Structures are given as structure tokens and as C-alpha cells.
C-alpha atoms as a PDB file:
ATOM      1  CA  MET A   1     114.294-152.827 155.639  1.00  0.00           C
ATOM      2  CA  SER A   2     111.215-155.046 155.318  1.00  0.00           C
ATOM      3  CA  THR A   3     107.837-153.530 156.114  1.00  0.00           C
ATOM      4  CA  TYR A   4     107.162-155.614 159.218  1.00  0.00           C
ATOM      5  CA  ASN A   5     110.521-154.631 160.755  1.00  0.00           C
ATOM      6  CA  HIS A   6     109.957-150.891 160.285  1.00  0.00           C
ATOM      7  CA  TRP A   7     110.137-149.027 163.611  1.00  0.00           C
ATOM      8  CA  PHE A   8     106.881-147.227 162.898  1.00  0.00           C
ATOM      9  CA  ILE A   9     104.982-150.496 162.531  1.00  0.00           C
ATOM     10  CA  ARG A  10     106.682-151.957 165.600  1.00  0.00           C
ATOM     11  CA  ALA A  11     105.423-148.937 167.540  1.00  0.00           C
ATOM     12  CA  ARG A  12     102.000-150.605 167.324  1.00  0.00           C
ATOM     13  CA  LEU A  13     100.218-147.847 165.462  1.00  0.00           C
ATOM     14  CA  LYS A  14      96.544-148.383 166.269  1.00  0.00           C
ATOM     15  CA  THR A  15      93.726-148.316 163.742  1.00  0.00           C
ATOM     16  CA  ARG A  16      91.742-146.158 166.175  1.00  0.00           C
ATOM     17  CA  GLN A  17      94.553-143.592 166.044  1.00  0.00           C
ATOM     18  CA  LEU A  18      94.121-143.439 162.265  1.00  0.00           C
ATOM     19  CA  LEU A  19      90.368-143.058 162.699  1.00  0.00           C
ATOM     20  CA  LEU A  20      90.934-140.317 165.266  1.00  0.00           C
ATOM     21  CA  LEU A  21      93.231-138.382 162.912  1.00  0.00           C
ATOM     22  CA  VAL A  22      90.591-138.394 160.172  1.00  0.00           C
ATOM     23  CA  ALA A  23      87.800-137.515 162.612  1.00  0.00           C
ATOM     24  CA  LEU A  24      89.818-134.607 164.005  1.00  0.00           C
ATOM     25  CA  ALA A  25      90.494-133.349 160.486  1.00  0.00           C
ATOM     26  CA  GLU A  26      86.780-133.445 159.668  1.00  0.00           C
ATOM     27  CA  GLU A  27      85.396-132.177 162.992  1.00  0.00           C
ATOM     28  CA  GLY A  28      88.148-129.744 164.057  1.00  0.00           C
ATOM     29  CA  ASN A  29      87.310-130.493 167.675  1.00  0.00           C
ATOM     30  CA  ILE A  30      88.442-133.388 169.879  1.00  0.00           C
ATOM     31  CA  HIS A  31      85.134-133.537 171.750  1.00  0.00           C
ATOM     32  CA  ARG A  32      83.118-134.001 168.548  1.00  0.00           C
ATOM     33  CA  ALA A  33      85.749-136.374 167.106  1.00  0.00           C
ATOM     34  CA  ALA A  34      85.475-138.528 170.249  1.00  0.00           C
ATOM     35  CA  GLN A  35      81.682-138.566 169.909  1.00  0.00           C
ATOM     36  CA  VAL A  36      81.929-139.686 166.285  1.00  0.00           C
ATOM     37  CA  LEU A  37      84.177-142.588 167.339  1.00  0.00           C
ATOM     38  CA  SER A  38      82.015-143.438 170.398  1.00  0.00           C
ATOM     39  CA  MET A  39      84.826-142.874 172.878  1.00  0.00           C
ATOM     40  CA  THR A  40      85.380-140.486 175.760  1.00  0.00           C
ATOM     41  CA  GLN A  41      87.302-137.263 175.249  1.00  0.00           C
ATOM     42  CA  PRO A  42      90.063-138.299 177.711  1.00  0.00           C
ATOM     43  CA  ALA A  43      90.522-141.563 175.775  1.00  0.00           C
ATOM     44  CA  ALA A  44      90.752-139.653 172.488  1.00  0.00           C
ATOM     45  CA  SER A  45      93.246-137.184 173.978  1.00  0.00           C
ATOM     46  CA  LYS A  46      95.421-140.078 175.209  1.00  0.00           C
ATOM     47  CA  LEU A  47      95.348-141.795 171.806  1.00  0.00           C
ATOM     48  CA  LEU A  48      96.497-138.577 170.144  1.00  0.00           C
ATOM     49  CA  LYS A  49      99.194-137.905 172.754  1.00  0.00           C
ATOM     50  CA  ASP A  50     100.545-141.465 172.437  1.00  0.00           C
ATOM     51  CA  LEU A  51     100.818-141.038 168.670  1.00  0.00           C
ATOM     52  CA  GLU A  52     102.532-137.658 168.967  1.00  0.00           C
ATOM     53  CA  ASP A  53     104.964-139.133 171.502  1.00  0.00           C
ATOM     54  CA  VAL A  54     105.883-141.948 169.096  1.00  0.00           C
ATOM     55  CA  LEU A  55     106.349-139.511 166.203  1.00  0.00           C
ATOM     56  CA  GLU A  56     108.042-136.881 168.380  1.00  0.00           C
ATOM     57  CA  VAL A  57     106.091-134.104 166.632  1.00  0.00           C
ATOM     58  CA  SER A  58     102.937-132.121 167.292  1.00  0.00           C
ATOM     59  CA  LEU A  59     100.177-133.133 164.886  1.00  0.00           C
ATOM     60  CA  PHE A  60      97.621-130.483 165.846  1.00  0.00           C
ATOM     61  CA  GLU A  61      97.652-126.913 167.073  1.00  0.00           C
ATOM     62  CA  ARG A  62      95.456-126.528 170.148  1.00  0.00           C
ATOM     63  CA  LEU A  63      93.299-123.460 169.537  1.00  0.00           C
ATOM     64  CA  PRO A  64      90.866-121.740 171.931  1.00  0.00           C
ATOM     65  CA  ARG A  65      87.903-123.211 170.042  1.00  0.00           C
ATOM     66  CA  GLY A  66      89.183-126.342 168.376  1.00  0.00           C
ATOM     67  CA  MET A  67      92.216-127.932 166.755  1.00  0.00           C
ATOM     68  CA  ARG A  68      94.050-127.341 163.478  1.00  0.00           C
ATOM     69  CA  PRO A  69      96.465-129.812 161.815  1.00  0.00           C
ATOM     70  CA  THR A  70     100.121-128.849 161.623  1.00  0.00           C
ATOM     71  CA  TRP A  71     102.109-129.729 158.506  1.00  0.00           C
ATOM     72  CA  TYR A  72     103.032-132.976 160.267  1.00  0.00           C
ATOM     73  CA  GLY A  73      99.368-133.525 160.992  1.00  0.00           C
ATOM     74  CA  GLU A  74      98.337-132.911 157.388  1.00  0.00           C
ATOM     75  CA  THR A  75     100.847-135.542 156.266  1.00  0.00           C
ATOM     76  CA  MET A  76      99.621-138.123 158.774  1.00  0.00           C
ATOM     77  CA  ILE A  77      95.964-137.397 157.983  1.00  0.00           C
ATOM     78  CA  ARG A  78      96.603-137.977 154.285  1.00  0.00           C
ATOM     79  CA  HIS A  79      98.279-141.310 154.936  1.00  0.00           C
ATOM     80  CA  ALA A  80      95.633-142.268 157.507  1.00  0.00           C
ATOM     81  CA  ARG A  81      92.916-141.767 154.875  1.00  0.00           C
ATOM     82  CA  MET A  82      94.811-143.955 152.416  1.00  0.00           C
ATOM     83  CA  ALA A  83      95.466-146.678 154.996  1.00  0.00           C
ATOM     84  CA  LEU A  84      91.823-146.791 156.086  1.00  0.00           C
ATOM     85  CA  ALA A  85      90.637-146.830 152.473  1.00  0.00           C
ATOM     86  CA  ASN A  86      92.961-149.785 151.767  1.00  0.00           C
ATOM     87  CA  LEU A  87      91.668-151.638 154.835  1.00  0.00           C
ATOM     88  CA  ASN A  88      88.081-151.045 153.747  1.00  0.00           C
ATOM     89  CA  GLN A  89      88.920-152.252 150.260  1.00  0.00           C
ATOM     90  CA  ALA A  90      90.557-155.391 151.653  1.00  0.00           C
ATOM     91  CA  HIS A  91      87.453-156.075 153.752  1.00  0.00           C
ATOM     92  CA  ASP A  92      85.139-155.614 150.745  1.00  0.00           C
ATOM     93  CA  GLU A  93      87.289-157.841 148.534  1.00  0.00           C
ATOM     94  CA  LEU A  94      87.381-160.605 151.134  1.00  0.00           C
ATOM     95  CA  ASN A  95      83.616-160.467 151.540  1.00  0.00           C
ATOM     96  CA  ALA A  96      83.216-160.564 147.768  1.00  0.00           C
ATOM     97  CA  LEU A  97      85.464-163.634 147.514  1.00  0.00           C
ATOM     98  CA  LYS A  98      83.544-165.357 150.334  1.00  0.00           C
ATOM     99  CA  THR A  99      80.298-164.931 148.437  1.00  0.00           C
ATOM    100  CA  GLY A 100      81.771-166.133 145.141  1.00  0.00           C
ATOM    101  CA  HIS A 101      82.324-162.711 143.612  1.00  0.00           C
ATOM    102  CA  PHE A 102      85.517-161.737 141.862  1.00  0.00           C
ATOM    103  CA  GLY A 103      86.150-158.418 143.585  1.00  0.00           C
ATOM    104  CA  GLN A 104      85.591-154.731 142.935  1.00  0.00           C
ATOM    105  CA  VAL A 105      87.244-151.828 141.135  1.00  0.00           C
ATOM    106  CA  GLY A 106      86.682-148.083 141.250  1.00  0.00           C
ATOM    107  CA  ILE A 107      87.363-146.135 138.071  1.00  0.00           C
ATOM    108  CA  GLY A 108      86.994-142.429 137.322  1.00  0.00           C
ATOM    109  CA  ALA A 109      87.022-140.632 133.987  1.00  0.00           C
ATOM    110  CA  ILE A 110      86.543-137.231 132.443  1.00  0.00           C
ATOM    111  CA  THR A 111      83.511-136.968 130.150  1.00  0.00           C
ATOM    112  CA  SER A 112      85.074-137.718 126.753  1.00  0.00           C
ATOM    113  CA  PRO A 113      86.672-141.107 127.565  1.00  0.00           C
ATOM    114  CA  GLY A 114      83.687-141.738 129.819  1.00  0.00           C
ATOM    115  CA  LEU A 115      81.657-141.908 126.620  1.00  0.00           C
ATOM    116  CA  SER A 116      84.159-143.319 124.140  1.00  0.00           C
ATOM    117  CA  LEU A 117      86.395-145.666 126.136  1.00  0.00           C
ATOM    118  CA  LEU A 118      84.733-146.807 129.336  1.00  0.00           C
ATOM    119  CA  PRO A 119      81.482-148.348 128.041  1.00  0.00           C
ATOM    120  CA  ALA A 120      83.337-150.759 125.753  1.00  0.00           C
ATOM    121  CA  ALA A 121      85.944-151.604 128.415  1.00  0.00           C
ATOM    122  CA  VAL A 122      83.331-152.128 131.128  1.00  0.00           C
ATOM    123  CA  ALA A 123      81.204-154.277 128.793  1.00  0.00           C
ATOM    124  CA  GLN A 124      84.248-156.453 128.036  1.00  0.00           C
ATOM    125  CA  VAL A 125      85.057-156.894 131.727  1.00  0.00           C
ATOM    126  CA  LYS A 126      81.451-157.688 132.679  1.00  0.00           C
ATOM    127  CA  GLN A 127      81.232-160.271 129.908  1.00  0.00           C
ATOM    128  CA  GLU A 128      84.321-162.053 131.235  1.00  0.00           C
ATOM    129  CA  HIS A 129      83.628-161.470 134.942  1.00  0.00           C
ATOM    130  CA  PRO A 130      79.899-160.861 135.515  1.00  0.00           C
ATOM    131  CA  SER A 131      80.252-160.775 139.313  1.00  0.00           C
ATOM    132  CA  LEU A 132      83.004-158.127 139.375  1.00  0.00           C
ATOM    133  CA  ARG A 133      81.655-154.991 141.027  1.00  0.00           C
ATOM    134  CA  ILE A 134      82.469-151.788 139.127  1.00  0.00           C
ATOM    135  CA  SER A 135      81.921-148.291 140.473  1.00  0.00           C
ATOM    136  CA  LEU A 136      82.285-145.408 138.046  1.00  0.00           C
ATOM    137  CA  ASP A 137      82.756-141.653 138.584  1.00  0.00           C
ATOM    138  CA  ILE A 138      82.543-139.063 135.785  1.00  0.00           C
ATOM    139  CA  GLU A 139      84.166-135.867 137.042  1.00  0.00           C
ATOM    140  CA  THR A 140      86.881-133.308 136.371  1.00  0.00           C
ATOM    141  CA  SER A 141      90.519-134.405 136.573  1.00  0.00           C
ATOM    142  CA  PRO A 142      91.303-132.559 139.862  1.00  0.00           C
ATOM    143  CA  VAL A 143      88.326-134.185 141.605  1.00  0.00           C
ATOM    144  CA  LEU A 144      89.248-137.634 140.277  1.00  0.00           C
ATOM    145  CA  LEU A 145      92.911-137.289 141.270  1.00  0.00           C
ATOM    146  CA  ASP A 146      91.857-136.303 144.777  1.00  0.00           C
ATOM    147  CA  ARG A 147      89.714-139.457 145.011  1.00  0.00           C
ATOM    148  CA  LEU A 148      92.603-141.520 143.637  1.00  0.00           C
ATOM    149  CA  GLU A 149      94.884-140.127 146.351  1.00  0.00           C
ATOM    150  CA  GLN A 150      92.296-140.934 149.031  1.00  0.00           C
ATOM    151  CA  GLY A 151      92.051-144.531 147.822  1.00  0.00           C
ATOM    152  CA  LYS A 152      88.459-144.124 146.627  1.00  0.00           C
ATOM    153  CA  LEU A 153      89.445-144.911 143.031  1.00  0.00           C
ATOM    154  CA  ASP A 154      91.860-147.468 141.557  1.00  0.00           C
ATOM    155  CA  ILE A 155      92.196-146.019 138.047  1.00  0.00           C
ATOM    156  CA  VAL A 156      91.608-142.570 136.569  1.00  0.00           C
ATOM    157  CA  VAL A 157      91.259-141.705 132.890  1.00  0.00           C
ATOM    158  CA  GLY A 158      92.042-138.004 132.957  1.00  0.00           C
ATOM    159  CA  ARG A 159      94.624-135.262 132.636  1.00  0.00           C
ATOM    160  CA  LEU A 160      97.678-134.251 134.606  1.00  0.00           C
ATOM    161  CA  PHE A 161      98.402-130.530 134.811  1.00  0.00           C
ATOM    162  CA  ALA A 162     101.553-128.730 135.925  1.00  0.00           C
ATOM    163  CA  GLU A 163     100.150-128.014 139.385  1.00  0.00           C
ATOM    164  CA  HIS A 164      99.444-131.674 140.168  1.00  0.00           C
ATOM    165  CA  ASP A 165     101.841-133.516 142.480  1.00  0.00           C
ATOM    166  CA  LYS A 166     103.080-136.372 140.285  1.00  0.00           C
ATOM    167  CA  THR A 167     105.380-137.945 142.886  1.00  0.00           C
ATOM    168  CA  HIS A 168     103.325-141.118 143.314  1.00  0.00           C
ATOM    169  CA  LEU A 169     101.432-141.167 140.025  1.00  0.00           C
ATOM    170  CA  ARG A 170     101.912-143.349 136.965  1.00  0.00           C
ATOM    171  CA  TYR A 171     100.649-141.769 133.717  1.00  0.00           C
ATOM    172  CA  GLU A 172     100.219-143.457 130.323  1.00  0.00           C
ATOM    173  CA  PRO A 173      98.992-141.004 127.635  1.00  0.00           C
ATOM    174  CA  LEU A 174      96.125-142.010 125.347  1.00  0.00           C
ATOM    175  CA  THR A 175      95.134-139.152 123.026  1.00  0.00           C
ATOM    176  CA  GLU A 176      94.467-135.432 122.710  1.00  0.00           C
ATOM    177  CA  GLU A 177      90.891-134.244 123.139  1.00  0.00           C
ATOM    178  CA  MET A 178      89.538-132.319 120.156  1.00  0.00           C
ATOM    179  CA  VAL A 179      86.531-130.012 120.489  1.00  0.00           C
ATOM    180  CA  CYS A 180      83.566-129.143 118.273  1.00  0.00           C
ATOM    181  CA  ALA A 181      80.864-126.512 118.006  1.00  0.00           C
ATOM    182  CA  ILE A 182      77.333-127.910 118.057  1.00  0.00           C
ATOM    183  CA  THR A 183      73.827-126.538 117.555  1.00  0.00           C
ATOM    184  CA  ARG A 184      70.290-127.852 117.441  1.00  0.00           C
ATOM    185  CA  PRO A 185      69.397-129.776 114.269  1.00  0.00           C
ATOM    186  CA  GLY A 186      68.130-127.389 111.609  1.00  0.00           C
ATOM    187  CA  HIS A 187      70.083-124.408 112.917  1.00  0.00           C
ATOM    188  CA  PRO A 188      70.714-121.731 110.218  1.00  0.00           C
ATOM    189  CA  LEU A 189      74.496-122.035 110.650  1.00  0.00           C
ATOM    190  CA  ALA A 190      74.457-125.784 110.022  1.00  0.00           C
ATOM    191  CA  GLY A 191      73.889-125.347 106.301  1.00  0.00           C
ATOM    192  CA  MET A 192      76.586-122.726 105.740  1.00  0.00           C
ATOM    193  CA  SER A 193      79.714-123.670 103.806  1.00  0.00           C
ATOM    194  CA  GLY A 194      83.119-122.192 104.536  1.00  0.00           C
ATOM    195  CA  LEU A 195      82.093-121.347 108.091  1.00  0.00           C
ATOM    196  CA  THR A 196      84.669-119.274 110.034  1.00  0.00           C
ATOM    197  CA  LEU A 197      84.968-117.850 113.536  1.00  0.00           C
ATOM    198  CA  ARG A 198      83.914-114.435 112.194  1.00  0.00           C
ATOM    199  CA  ASP A 199      80.566-115.982 111.199  1.00  0.00           C
ATOM    200  CA  VAL A 200      79.847-117.235 114.715  1.00  0.00           C
ATOM    201  CA  VAL A 201      81.383-114.602 117.004  1.00  0.00           C
ATOM    202  CA  ALA A 202      78.048-112.777 117.323  1.00  0.00           C
ATOM    203  CA  ALA A 203      76.113-115.953 118.102  1.00  0.00           C
ATOM    204  CA  GLY A 204      74.965-116.891 121.579  1.00  0.00           C
ATOM    205  CA  TRP A 205      77.403-119.423 123.018  1.00  0.00           C
ATOM    206  CA  ILE A 206      77.232-122.012 125.795  1.00  0.00           C
ATOM    207  CA  VAL A 207      80.775-122.233 127.137  1.00  0.00           C
ATOM    208  CA  PRO A 208      82.712-123.796 130.043  1.00  0.00           C
ATOM    209  CA  PRO A 209      83.004-121.750 133.255  1.00  0.00           C
ATOM    210  CA  ALA A 210      85.595-118.970 133.484  1.00  0.00           C
ATOM    211  CA  GLY A 211      88.895-120.287 134.830  1.00  0.00           C
ATOM    212  CA  SER A 212      88.674-123.648 133.074  1.00  0.00           C
ATOM    213  CA  VAL A 213      91.349-124.639 130.562  1.00  0.00           C
ATOM    214  CA  LEU A 214      88.898-125.032 127.679  1.00  0.00           C
ATOM    215  CA  ARG A 215      87.301-121.635 128.367  1.00  0.00           C
ATOM    216  CA  HIS A 216      90.714-119.964 128.314  1.00  0.00           C
ATOM    217  CA  ARG A 217      91.598-121.605 125.006  1.00  0.00           C
ATOM    218  CA  PHE A 218      88.159-120.839 123.571  1.00  0.00           C
ATOM    219  CA  ASP A 219      88.595-117.108 124.256  1.00  0.00           C
ATOM    220  CA  LEU A 220      92.190-117.199 123.018  1.00  0.00           C
ATOM    221  CA  MET A 221      91.074-118.852 119.761  1.00  0.00           C
ATOM    222  CA  PHE A 222      89.004-115.798 118.836  1.00  0.00           C
ATOM    223  CA  GLN A 223      91.690-113.351 119.965  1.00  0.00           C
ATOM    224  CA  GLN A 224      94.289-115.074 117.795  1.00  0.00           C
ATOM    225  CA  ASP A 225      91.926-114.602 114.855  1.00  0.00           C
ATOM    226  CA  GLY A 226      91.749-110.862 115.559  1.00  0.00           C
ATOM    227  CA  LEU A 227      88.301-111.058 117.163  1.00  0.00           C
ATOM    228  CA  ALA A 228      86.965-110.269 120.617  1.00  0.00           C
ATOM    229  CA  PRO A 229      85.575-113.386 122.342  1.00  0.00           C
ATOM    230  CA  PRO A 230      81.768-113.769 122.152  1.00  0.00           C
ATOM    231  CA  LEU A 231      79.840-111.573 124.607  1.00  0.00           C
ATOM    232  CA  ASN A 232      76.486-113.382 124.472  1.00  0.00           C
ATOM    233  CA  ILE A 233      77.386-116.412 126.592  1.00  0.00           C
ATOM    234  CA  ILE A 234      76.042-118.856 129.148  1.00  0.00           C
ATOM    235  CA  GLU A 235      78.671-120.466 131.386  1.00  0.00           C
ATOM    236  CA  THR A 236      78.011-124.029 132.504  1.00  0.00           C
ATOM    237  CA  SER A 237      79.630-127.450 132.736  1.00  0.00           C
ATOM    238  CA  SER A 238      76.258-129.259 132.747  1.00  0.00           C
ATOM    239  CA  LEU A 239      75.789-131.396 129.649  1.00  0.00           C
ATOM    240  CA  LEU A 240      72.124-131.966 130.482  1.00  0.00           C
ATOM    241  CA  PHE A 241      71.425-128.227 130.577  1.00  0.00           C
ATOM    242  CA  THR A 242      73.505-127.627 127.440  1.00  0.00           C
ATOM    243  CA  THR A 243      71.633-130.128 125.268  1.00  0.00           C
ATOM    244  CA  ARG A 244      68.256-128.929 126.543  1.00  0.00           C
ATOM    245  CA  MET A 245      69.185-125.284 125.947  1.00  0.00           C
ATOM    246  CA  LEU A 246      70.303-126.025 122.398  1.00  0.00           C
ATOM    247  CA  GLN A 247      66.952-127.622 121.624  1.00  0.00           C
ATOM    248  CA  GLN A 248      65.134-124.483 122.739  1.00  0.00           C
ATOM    249  CA  SER A 249      67.347-121.799 121.173  1.00  0.00           C
ATOM    250  CA  ASP A 250      69.726-120.867 118.381  1.00  0.00           C
ATOM    251  CA  MET A 251      72.748-120.927 120.689  1.00  0.00           C
ATOM    252  CA  VAL A 252      76.006-122.686 119.866  1.00  0.00           C
ATOM    253  CA  ALA A 253      77.902-124.858 122.357  1.00  0.00           C
ATOM    254  CA  VAL A 254      81.545-125.898 122.521  1.00  0.00           C
ATOM    255  CA  LEU A 255      82.027-129.530 123.593  1.00  0.00           C
ATOM    256  CA  ALA A 256      84.589-132.304 123.429  1.00  0.00           C
ATOM    257  CA  ALA A 257      84.418-133.939 120.000  1.00  0.00           C
ATOM    258  CA  ASP A 258      83.559-137.403 121.357  1.00  0.00           C
ATOM    259  CA  VAL A 259      80.647-135.947 123.315  1.00  0.00           C
ATOM    260  CA  ALA A 260      79.502-133.793 120.382  1.00  0.00           C
ATOM    261  CA  HIS A 261      79.467-136.719 117.947  1.00  0.00           C
ATOM    262  CA  TYR A 262      77.641-138.867 120.502  1.00  0.00           C
ATOM    263  CA  TYR A 263      74.778-136.350 120.665  1.00  0.00           C
ATOM    264  CA  ALA A 264      74.842-135.924 116.882  1.00  0.00           C
ATOM    265  CA  ALA A 265      74.564-139.688 116.363  1.00  0.00           C
ATOM    266  CA  TYR A 266      71.281-139.696 118.287  1.00  0.00           C
ATOM    267  CA  GLY A 267      69.889-136.672 116.454  1.00  0.00           C
ATOM    268  CA  MET A 268      70.108-134.399 119.485  1.00  0.00           C
ATOM    269  CA  ALA A 269      72.586-131.963 117.941  1.00  0.00           C
ATOM    270  CA  THR A 270      74.416-131.023 114.759  1.00  0.00           C
ATOM    271  CA  VAL A 271      78.185-130.602 114.601  1.00  0.00           C
ATOM    272  CA  LEU A 272      79.009-127.377 112.776  1.00  0.00           C
ATOM    273  CA  PRO A 273      81.561-127.540 109.928  1.00  0.00           C
ATOM    274  CA  LEU A 274      83.781-125.105 111.819  1.00  0.00           C
ATOM    275  CA  ALA A 275      87.480-125.544 112.585  1.00  0.00           C
ATOM    276  CA  MET A 276      87.991-125.329 116.367  1.00  0.00           C
ATOM    277  CA  PRO A 277      91.757-125.261 117.097  1.00  0.00           C
ATOM    278  CA  CYS A 278      91.220-124.833 120.874  1.00  0.00           C
ATOM    279  CA  HIS A 279      91.750-128.535 121.559  1.00  0.00           C
ATOM    280  CA  MET A 280      92.448-129.824 125.059  1.00  0.00           C
ATOM    281  CA  ASP A 281      95.598-131.452 126.435  1.00  0.00           C
ATOM    282  CA  ALA A 282      96.038-135.196 126.153  1.00  0.00           C
ATOM    283  CA  PHE A 283      94.422-137.461 128.706  1.00  0.00           C
ATOM    284  CA  GLY A 284      95.628-140.875 129.811  1.00  0.00           C
ATOM    285  CA  LEU A 285      95.489-143.709 132.314  1.00  0.00           C
ATOM    286  CA  ILE A 286      96.540-142.646 135.808  1.00  0.00           C
ATOM    287  CA  THR A 287      97.248-144.955 138.748  1.00  0.00           C
ATOM    288  CA  ARG A 288      99.200-144.749 141.992  1.00  0.00           C
ATOM    289  CA  SER A 289     102.794-145.920 141.632  1.00  0.00           C
ATOM    290  CA  ASP A 290     103.060-146.536 145.394  1.00  0.00           C
ATOM    291  CA  ARG A 291     100.180-149.042 145.490  1.00  0.00           C
ATOM    292  CA  LEU A 292      99.645-152.399 143.879  1.00  0.00           C
ATOM    293  CA  LEU A 293      96.563-152.818 141.716  1.00  0.00           C
ATOM    294  CA  SER A 294      94.062-155.366 143.009  1.00  0.00           C
ATOM    295  CA  PRO A 295      93.269-158.378 140.768  1.00  0.00           C
ATOM    296  CA  ALA A 296      89.991-156.703 139.786  1.00  0.00           C
ATOM    297  CA  ALA A 297      91.742-153.426 138.944  1.00  0.00           C
ATOM    298  CA  LYS A 298      94.282-155.329 136.809  1.00  0.00           C
ATOM    299  CA  VAL A 299      91.429-156.877 134.823  1.00  0.00           C
ATOM    300  CA  MET A 300      89.916-153.440 134.231  1.00  0.00           C
ATOM    301  CA  MET A 301      93.277-151.914 133.283  1.00  0.00           C
ATOM    302  CA  LYS A 302      93.878-154.679 130.744  1.00  0.00           C
ATOM    303  CA  ALA A 303      90.485-154.018 129.149  1.00  0.00           C
ATOM    304  CA  LEU A 304      91.087-150.263 129.040  1.00  0.00           C
ATOM    305  CA  LYS A 305      94.408-150.772 127.268  1.00  0.00           C
ATOM    306  CA  GLN A 306      92.917-153.213 124.757  1.00  0.00           C
ATOM    307  CA  ILE A 307      90.001-150.913 123.927  1.00  0.00           C
ATOM    308  CA  SER A 308      92.297-147.857 123.725  1.00  0.00           C
ATOM    309  CA  LEU A 309      94.145-149.572 120.870  1.00  0.00           C
ATOM    310  CA  VAL A 310      90.859-149.748 118.934  1.00  0.00           C
ATOM    311  CA  GLN A 311      89.598-146.296 119.939  1.00  0.00           C
ATOM    312  CA  TYR A 312      92.782-144.236 119.739  1.00  0.00           C
ATOM    313  CA  GLY A 313      95.326-146.451 117.994  1.00  0.00           C
ATOM    314  CA  ARG A 314      97.428-146.241 121.156  1.00  0.00           C
ATOM    315  CA  ARG A 315      99.233-149.486 121.954  1.00  0.00           C
ATOM    316  CA  LEU A 316     100.018-149.770 125.665  1.00  0.00           C
ATOM    317  CA  GLU A 317     101.845-152.512 127.488  1.00  0.00           C
ATOM    318  CA  VAL A 318      99.362-155.034 128.852  1.00  0.00           C
ATOM    319  CA  GLU A 319     100.529-157.034 131.863  1.00  0.00           C
END
């Protein structure tokens, strides 16, 4: 059945009903949701009732002091967010075209490809299309995937884990992420040959937070070598703090290899000659399989695939 003949569309689903669903999810109260949308509470109640009548389900539980989405409500809220994000994107693209711009694309990446892949790809796109607007997020994979689902991003360069819902995701692997140990330049360990984990277990370490994949594998690496994991640690995911702390101490930090070599290239750190077998899972290009890429997003995807061939030797199909 074609989209415009679908019964749900023929039911004249109103944009304000979508806005109301999102406002109710964020406010948890129909009075405050109505205020946010500049409508009366009776009008908001009628909009919600009309939608529930069409769907023949209850979208919210009415509680003594607010409202809570049912499972049906959670589903509709998720799709309402996506629909509104797509409408906003369409509006922005039209305005960009009216003013002679090419369009816009939102891309998110984890730190390593954010340093190694994105700068070259973005530079290539901006050279070919100077007026294309690019927004960039550097975050963890779960945060980026959430923004991709909400329609805030078009492309993610990140990881998929077992717990992620892959139903509407397209994933093209790029490479595994190796890790390194780094110190300040001139650190006593930097000049040692034949360095092993036993030589560094007593050092002060800057490590990822407990519960992260890399932290788990870092601890496991020592245990598999018959050693207890380091006790003198600082837990942080802040690269700015890590590099500053290294400069002011004899601590050792574990970082993604691309990031470590970036800092080493600018004389901010030294990569220790230490085997670190606690590498991370592969990352790749992630998009939504249930949405079409915009022309601007297609341009960015093409550049990412071309640069990935140079960076990682990974040949991907370029449309």
C-alpha cells in the first residue's frame, strides 16, 4: 500500500498531536505541556483523546500527579520525535536551498575516527561544497546512536554492541581500534627497552571509568598476565584532563592509538613501547535503514568512504 493511502495518514494525524506527545513525554503533565505549546488544557486533552480514539489504544496512564506513557505511548513518542526532526530538517534544507546553500548534514563520531577520519572527509566536502553546513558531535557510541534514532544525526561513525537494537540500522565496518599507553615526554619508562605489563603495574594510571568496555579489557589484560590490575588510578573520560595531568605527573594513560599518536606528533605525549592487547571492537559507518539520506548526507558519506580507503584500507561501496 502506498504511503498516502495508508489509513493512519488518512486519519489526518495532526502535527500538533505529534508536538503534544513530545511535550507530554518531557513535561509529564498535560497542564505544563499545554503551556509549552501555547494552548489551553482542554484543547490539549481533546487532541490527545482524538489521537487515542484513532489508534484505539491508551497512550498515557493518568496518574494523581501527572501522566506516564504506556508502551503504546512510548512507541508513538519515539516516532513523533523522528517525524518532527525530519520536518525540521526539511524546513532547514529548503531555507538553505532558497539562499543558495547546498544543504546540511549532521555527523557524529567516537574520538578515534573523529581525529583520524572526519577532518580529512570534512575538508574534502567543504572544498567541493563550501556552503554545505556540517554539524559534528564527538561522543560515545550509545549517545550518538540515540541522536541518530531521534533524527538529530544523519551518520554515525561508532560501534554497535549486543544490547543495541539493530532493527533499523545499517552498519559498514571500518577497522578495529587499537590502544596505547602514553606518558609525558621524558618519562623514565619511555627509555626502557623490553617493557612489559609487570614493569608498569605499580605506576599511576589514568584509565576509562569503571563499567566501560575499555576499562574492563584493561583490567582483564593484567589479570591474564597473572597480575592484579593497577591500584593507583584516576578514572576519567576527559582527554583535556588526561593530557594536562600527564604533563604534571609521572602517570601513564591508556588511550586509543589514533588519539595517542596525535598527541605524540605534537610533542604533548610519548607512546610507550608496550604491547597493549586490550584493543577495542571495530567501529564503522552507521545510518538508519528506514530513512533516505539527504543529498548533503550522501555527499558526506561518499567522502567518508573515500577517505576510509586511505586511512584503513577498507574499500566500501560508494553510491
